[in-house]
Amino acid sequence: MLTKSFGSKIELTNSGELSLFFVGTGSAFTKRNFQTNLFIIKGQDHILVDCGTLCPYALETAYNTPVKEVSNLFVTHPHADHIGGVEELALIGCYVKKQKLNFIITDKLKKKLWNESLRGGCQFSEDGKMNFDDYFNQLKPALIQKKPYEIYEINVGSINLKIIRTRHITTRADSLKNSQLSYGIIIDNKIFFTGDTQFNKHQLEWVTTAYPIETIFADCDVGGYAEAVHESYNQLKTLDVEMRQKMYLCHYNKQAESVNPEADGFAGFAQAGIYYIY
């Protein structure tokens, strides 16, 4: 893996290499590092993974990249720091760009996102009632396995995504079925982005055994205050050194200043404004 610093605008195309660019790397309430939203870029194709409340602002102010340039979207789960900017994307597509956004989404999350998040602001227009399909082209991933983890797959141009069910919030720590609907993604079989998740050692070990994973971008609550919601720094420190060495930590808060991930065997903290190139 190579890295490259941001120039004057986010490069949404490249010469064919797989590249990740974090718009932000922060937790839900941080303002300093924006929220953990990122681009996957490869050749002529790109996917914005999550679009939180701060994402449109970050794109235009920090990266000189209008949100209307986004063509393909995937969201990991329906928390505001991951979907709070999606309504703006929908309305800009409809009224400014006059082109539907491609939305990679399962039927289950599509229904939940529309009925429980987007419908309130998007269902009415001067032309009458609107629905999800009036704003977006659904790119529906195919279910390829159910056990040990539900996995969907889709190709967006040259980018392959495997979308894996994760355990984010639940009243029963051992229950995936009862947890909030959330997903991580395996990108081109070489990168695992966990999305928001509770600590799940079995899933991390299963993914890195089933696929030739080179890098893990892992959810990490440094303070350890929310282990029922996010995997914590101390929990991740219990992983084998081989896994920690390929793991960059994201979704962190101000407490990140109190630790040294490299000294604890991790690859480091993921950084916004840098291209990670494979």
Foldseek 3Di string as FASTA:
>chain_A
DDKDFADQADDQADPFWWKKFFLFFAADPDDPGQFGWIWIHGHNHIEIEFQALCRQVSRCPVHVHHPQVAAEYEYFAPDRSGCVCVLVNQVCCVPPVVHAHEYEDAPVRQVCCCVPPNVVPQQQDPVGGDGPVVRHDYDYFDFDDPPPWTWTWDDDDPKIKIKTWAAFAAPDLVDSPRGHTGTWIQIPLAETEGPWHADDVVVLVVSVVVGVYQAYEAEEEAVPPPNNGGYYPVNVLPDDLVRQCRYAYGNYDPCVVVDASVVSRHVYHDHHRMMDTD
